[in-house]
C-alpha atoms as a PDB file:
ATOM      1  CA  MET A   1       0.114   0.121  -0.148  1.00  0.00           C
ATOM      2  CA  PRO A   2       1.014   3.426  -0.598  1.00  0.00           C
ATOM      3  CA  LEU A   3      -0.147   4.744   2.759  1.00  0.00           C
ATOM      4  CA  PRO A   4       3.284   4.773   4.577  1.00  0.00           C
ATOM      5  CA  PHE A   5       4.744   6.583   1.511  1.00  0.00           C
ATOM      6  CA  GLY A   6       1.955   9.080   1.539  1.00  0.00           C
ATOM      7  CA  LEU A   7       2.086   9.597   5.190  1.00  0.00           C
ATOM      8  CA  SER A   8       5.712   9.943   5.399  1.00  0.00           C
ATOM      9  CA  GLY A   9       5.425  12.443   2.433  1.00  0.00           C
ATOM     10  CA  ALA A  10       2.875  14.576   4.446  1.00  0.00           C
ATOM     11  CA  PHE A  11       5.536  14.953   7.247  1.00  0.00           C
ATOM     12  CA  LEU A  12       8.323  15.456   5.089  1.00  0.00           C
ATOM     13  CA  PHE A  13       6.411  18.161   3.245  1.00  0.00           C
ATOM     14  CA  ALA A  14       5.445  19.595   6.726  1.00  0.00           C
ATOM     15  CA  LYS A  15       9.110  19.734   7.861  1.00  0.00           C
ATOM     16  CA  LEU A  16      10.340  21.090   4.839  1.00  0.00           C
ATOM     17  CA  PHE A  17       7.744  23.917   4.871  1.00  0.00           C
ATOM     18  CA  GLY A  18       8.070  24.404   8.716  1.00  0.00           C
ATOM     19  CA  ILE A  19       4.493  23.277   9.512  1.00  0.00           C
ATOM     20  CA  ASP A  20       3.808  21.965  13.084  1.00  0.00           C
ATOM     21  CA  ASN A  21       1.844  18.534  13.677  1.00  0.00           C
ATOM     22  CA  ASN A  22      -1.387  20.196  14.617  1.00  0.00           C
ATOM     23  CA  ILE A  23      -5.149  19.130  14.060  1.00  0.00           C
ATOM     24  CA  PHE A  24      -5.471  20.364  10.619  1.00  0.00           C
ATOM     25  CA  LEU A  25      -2.295  18.297   9.354  1.00  0.00           C
ATOM     26  CA  GLN A  26      -3.920  15.183  11.119  1.00  0.00           C
ATOM     27  CA  ILE A  27      -7.141  15.827   9.461  1.00  0.00           C
ATOM     28  CA  SER A  28      -5.329  15.736   5.993  1.00  0.00           C
ATOM     29  CA  LEU A  29      -3.752  12.558   7.056  1.00  0.00           C
ATOM     30  CA  ILE A  30      -7.044  10.981   7.340  1.00  0.00           C
ATOM     31  CA  MET A  31      -8.076  12.364   4.116  1.00  0.00           C
ATOM     32  CA  LEU A  32      -4.988  10.881   2.498  1.00  0.00           C
ATOM     33  CA  ILE A  33      -5.515   7.545   3.754  1.00  0.00           C
ATOM     34  CA  GLY A  34      -8.981   7.384   2.050  1.00  0.00           C
ATOM     35  CA  LEU A  35      -7.692   8.835  -1.369  1.00  0.00           C
ATOM     36  CA  LEU A  36      -4.542   6.490  -1.436  1.00  0.00           C
ATOM     37  CA  ALA A  37      -6.454   3.438  -0.351  1.00  0.00           C
ATOM     38  CA  LYS A  38      -8.852   4.079  -3.301  1.00  0.00           C
ATOM     39  CA  ASN A  39      -6.138   4.244  -5.820  1.00  0.00           C
ATOM     40  CA  SER A  40      -4.843   0.957  -4.468  1.00  0.00           C
ATOM     41  CA  ILE A  41      -8.302  -0.586  -4.493  1.00  0.00           C
ATOM     42  CA  LEU A  42      -8.667   0.422  -8.228  1.00  0.00           C
ATOM     43  CA  ILE A  43      -5.342  -1.010  -9.097  1.00  0.00           C
ATOM     44  CA  VAL A  44      -5.958  -4.274  -7.373  1.00  0.00           C
ATOM     45  CA  GLU A  45      -9.459  -4.680  -8.875  1.00  0.00           C
ATOM     46  CA  PHE A  46      -8.484  -4.351 -12.363  1.00  0.00           C
ATOM     47  CA  ALA A  47      -5.433  -6.716 -11.932  1.00  0.00           C
ATOM     48  CA  LEU A  48      -7.642  -9.259 -10.333  1.00  0.00           C
ATOM     49  CA  MET A  49     -10.100  -9.212 -13.167  1.00  0.00           C
ATOM     50  CA  HIS A  50      -7.381  -9.753 -15.767  1.00  0.00           C
ATOM     51  CA  ARG A  51      -5.870 -12.660 -13.330  1.00  0.00           C
ATOM     52  CA  LYS A  52      -9.476 -14.073 -13.457  1.00  0.00           C
ATOM     53  CA  ASN A  53      -9.410 -13.787 -17.299  1.00  0.00           C
ATOM     54  CA  GLY A  54      -6.631 -16.374 -17.173  1.00  0.00           C
ATOM     55  CA  GLU A  55      -3.614 -13.966 -17.496  1.00  0.00           C
ATOM     56  CA  SER A  56      -0.230 -14.646 -15.917  1.00  0.00           C
ATOM     57  CA  LEU A  57       0.304 -12.931 -12.598  1.00  0.00           C
ATOM     58  CA  PHE A  58       2.907 -10.247 -14.005  1.00  0.00           C
ATOM     59  CA  THR A  59       0.863  -9.574 -16.828  1.00  0.00           C
ATOM     60  CA  SER A  60      -2.374  -9.116 -14.653  1.00  0.00           C
ATOM     61  CA  ALA A  61      -0.560  -6.626 -12.451  1.00  0.00           C
ATOM     62  CA  VAL A  62       1.127  -4.685 -15.102  1.00  0.00           C
ATOM     63  CA  GLU A  63      -2.207  -4.254 -17.117  1.00  0.00           C
ATOM     64  CA  GLY A  64      -4.151  -3.456 -13.974  1.00  0.00           C
ATOM     65  CA  ALA A  65      -1.726  -0.659 -13.146  1.00  0.00           C
ATOM     66  CA  ARG A  66      -1.646   0.478 -16.706  1.00  0.00           C
ATOM     67  CA  ALA A  67      -5.458   0.391 -17.076  1.00  0.00           C
ATOM     68  CA  ARG A  68      -5.680   2.764 -14.100  1.00  0.00           C
ATOM     69  CA  LEU A  69      -2.479   4.929 -14.401  1.00  0.00           C
ATOM     70  CA  ARG A  70      -3.916   7.726 -16.522  1.00  0.00           C
ATOM     71  CA  PRO A  71      -7.289   8.284 -14.335  1.00  0.00           C
ATOM     72  CA  ILE A  72      -5.160   7.927 -10.915  1.00  0.00           C
ATOM     73  CA  LEU A  73      -2.492  10.551 -12.282  1.00  0.00           C
ATOM     74  CA  MET A  74      -5.378  12.881 -13.584  1.00  0.00           C
ATOM     75  CA  THR A  75      -7.300  12.798 -10.313  1.00  0.00           C
ATOM     76  CA  SER A  76      -4.213  12.837  -7.934  1.00  0.00           C
ATOM     77  CA  PHE A  77      -2.668  15.800  -9.837  1.00  0.00           C
ATOM     78  CA  ALA A  78      -5.867  17.619  -9.842  1.00  0.00           C
ATOM     79  CA  PHE A  79      -6.190  17.293  -6.354  1.00  0.00           C
ATOM     80  CA  ILE A  80      -2.631  18.476  -6.040  1.00  0.00           C
ATOM     81  CA  PHE A  81      -2.784  21.356  -7.913  1.00  0.00           C
ATOM     82  CA  GLY A  82      -5.989  22.433  -6.365  1.00  0.00           C
ATOM     83  CA  LEU A  83      -4.484  22.396  -3.053  1.00  0.00           C
ATOM     84  CA  VAL A  84      -1.396  24.626  -4.052  1.00  0.00           C
ATOM     85  CA  PRO A  85      -3.159  27.721  -3.180  1.00  0.00           C
ATOM     86  CA  LEU A  86      -3.743  26.590   0.295  1.00  0.00           C
ATOM     87  CA  MET A  87      -0.041  25.745   0.823  1.00  0.00           C
ATOM     88  CA  LEU A  88       0.539  29.318  -0.275  1.00  0.00           C
ATOM     89  CA  ALA A  89      -2.333  31.079   1.682  1.00  0.00           C
ATOM     90  CA  SER A  90      -1.700  34.174   3.736  1.00  0.00           C
ATOM     91  CA  GLY A  91      -3.665  36.218   5.949  1.00  0.00           C
ATOM     92  CA  ALA A  92      -6.230  35.190   8.597  1.00  0.00           C
ATOM     93  CA  GLY A  93      -6.394  31.592   9.177  1.00  0.00           C
ATOM     94  CA  ALA A  94      -3.406  30.825   6.943  1.00  0.00           C
ATOM     95  CA  VAL A  95      -1.678  28.559   9.460  1.00  0.00           C
ATOM     96  CA  SER A  96      -4.676  26.216   9.207  1.00  0.00           C
ATOM     97  CA  ASN A  97      -4.878  26.480   5.343  1.00  0.00           C
ATOM     98  CA  ARG A  98      -1.186  25.883   5.168  1.00  0.00           C
ATOM     99  CA  SER A  99      -1.195  22.769   7.280  1.00  0.00           C
ATOM    100  CA  ILE A 100      -3.942  21.171   5.493  1.00  0.00           C
ATOM    101  CA  GLY A 101      -2.598  22.101   1.993  1.00  0.00           C
ATOM    102  CA  THR A 102       1.097  21.146   2.653  1.00  0.00           C
ATOM    103  CA  ALA A 103       0.217  17.635   4.195  1.00  0.00           C
ATOM    104  CA  ALA A 104      -2.283  16.831   1.516  1.00  0.00           C
ATOM    105  CA  VAL A 105      -0.077  17.836  -1.336  1.00  0.00           C
ATOM    106  CA  GLY A 106       3.087  16.121   0.029  1.00  0.00           C
ATOM    107  CA  GLY A 107       1.314  12.812   1.012  1.00  0.00           C
ATOM    108  CA  MET A 108      -0.694  12.734  -2.428  1.00  0.00           C
ATOM    109  CA  LEU A 109       2.397  13.358  -4.505  1.00  0.00           C
ATOM    110  CA  THR A 110       4.547  10.707  -2.773  1.00  0.00           C
ATOM    111  CA  GLY A 111       1.677   8.269  -2.234  1.00  0.00           C
ATOM    112  CA  THR A 112       0.860   8.442  -5.752  1.00  0.00           C
ATOM    113  CA  LEU A 113       4.149   8.312  -7.271  1.00  0.00           C
ATOM    114  CA  PHE A 114       5.362   5.445  -5.315  1.00  0.00           C
ATOM    115  CA  GLY A 115       2.129   3.626  -5.316  1.00  0.00           C
ATOM    116  CA  ILE A 116       1.873   3.171  -8.986  1.00  0.00           C
ATOM    117  CA  PHE A 117       5.062   0.997  -8.570  1.00  0.00           C
ATOM    118  CA  VAL A 118       4.493  -0.667  -5.287  1.00  0.00           C
ATOM    119  CA  ILE A 119       0.848  -1.596  -5.719  1.00  0.00           C
ATOM    120  CA  PRO A 120       1.466  -4.216  -8.643  1.00  0.00           C
ATOM    121  CA  ALA A 121       4.488  -5.617  -6.897  1.00  0.00           C
ATOM    122  CA  LEU A 122       2.654  -6.104  -3.826  1.00  0.00           C
ATOM    123  CA  PHE A 123      -0.348  -7.522  -5.613  1.00  0.00           C
ATOM    124  CA  MET A 124       1.909 -10.204  -7.512  1.00  0.00           C
ATOM    125  CA  LEU A 125       3.418 -10.970  -3.914  1.00  0.00           C
ATOM    126  CA  PHE A 126       0.061 -11.586  -2.045  1.00  0.00           C
ATOM    127  CA  GLN A 127      -1.754 -13.038  -4.961  1.00  0.00           C
ATOM    128  CA  SER A 128       0.967 -15.621  -5.526  1.00  0.00           C
ATOM    129  CA  LEU A 129       0.913 -16.369  -1.690  1.00  0.00           C
ATOM    130  CA  GLN A 130      -2.800 -16.784  -1.856  1.00  0.00           C
ATOM    131  CA  GLU A 131      -2.920 -18.960  -4.990  1.00  0.00           C
ATOM    132  CA  LYS A 132      -0.238 -21.228  -3.115  1.00  0.00           C
ATOM    133  CA  VAL A 133      -2.748 -21.687  -0.125  1.00  0.00           C
ATOM    134  CA  SER A 134      -5.952 -21.772  -1.867  1.00  0.00           C
ATOM    135  CA  GLY A 135      -5.392 -22.330  -5.666  1.00  0.00           C
ATOM    136  CA  LYS A 136      -5.649 -20.249  -8.712  1.00  0.00           C
ATOM    137  CA  PRO A 137      -8.958 -18.132  -9.018  1.00  0.00           C
ATOM    138  CA  ALA A 138     -11.581 -19.617 -11.048  1.00  0.00           C
ATOM    139  CA  THR A 139     -11.451 -17.983 -14.635  1.00  0.00           C
ATOM    140  CA  ASN A 140     -14.217 -16.018 -16.264  1.00  0.00           C
ATOM    141  CA  GLU A 141     -16.252 -17.937 -18.921  1.00  0.00           C
ATOM    142  CA  GLU A 142     -17.230 -15.449 -21.448  1.00  0.00           C
END
């Protein structure tokens, strides 16, 4: 899962930009967990669909990631660019805005970039372990 990468990216960006660990940063961490988990679920669902169609484990993982790459990058980068004004906020309430924006941008950027490589590898690892224990998944008859 890209969650450890995303959370560490949020704290790294907070450290780089001089943001304290406050309630606003912690709220953006909860938001990050949901968004990064959604990306992982999408890749795994598509990879599992390919696996049930009889493709090899490696091909399933690569095709699942490739099928979801563009939508994940589009939504993630739209989210990131939408939060840049919060990172650069000034005036009243700027500390809360900068805390939310910085943690969310840092976490989403690192979580997405590392996730698109880590999730297929973890899918291959855990799917092969599951297939050793319970057998290969039943193929879909079209």
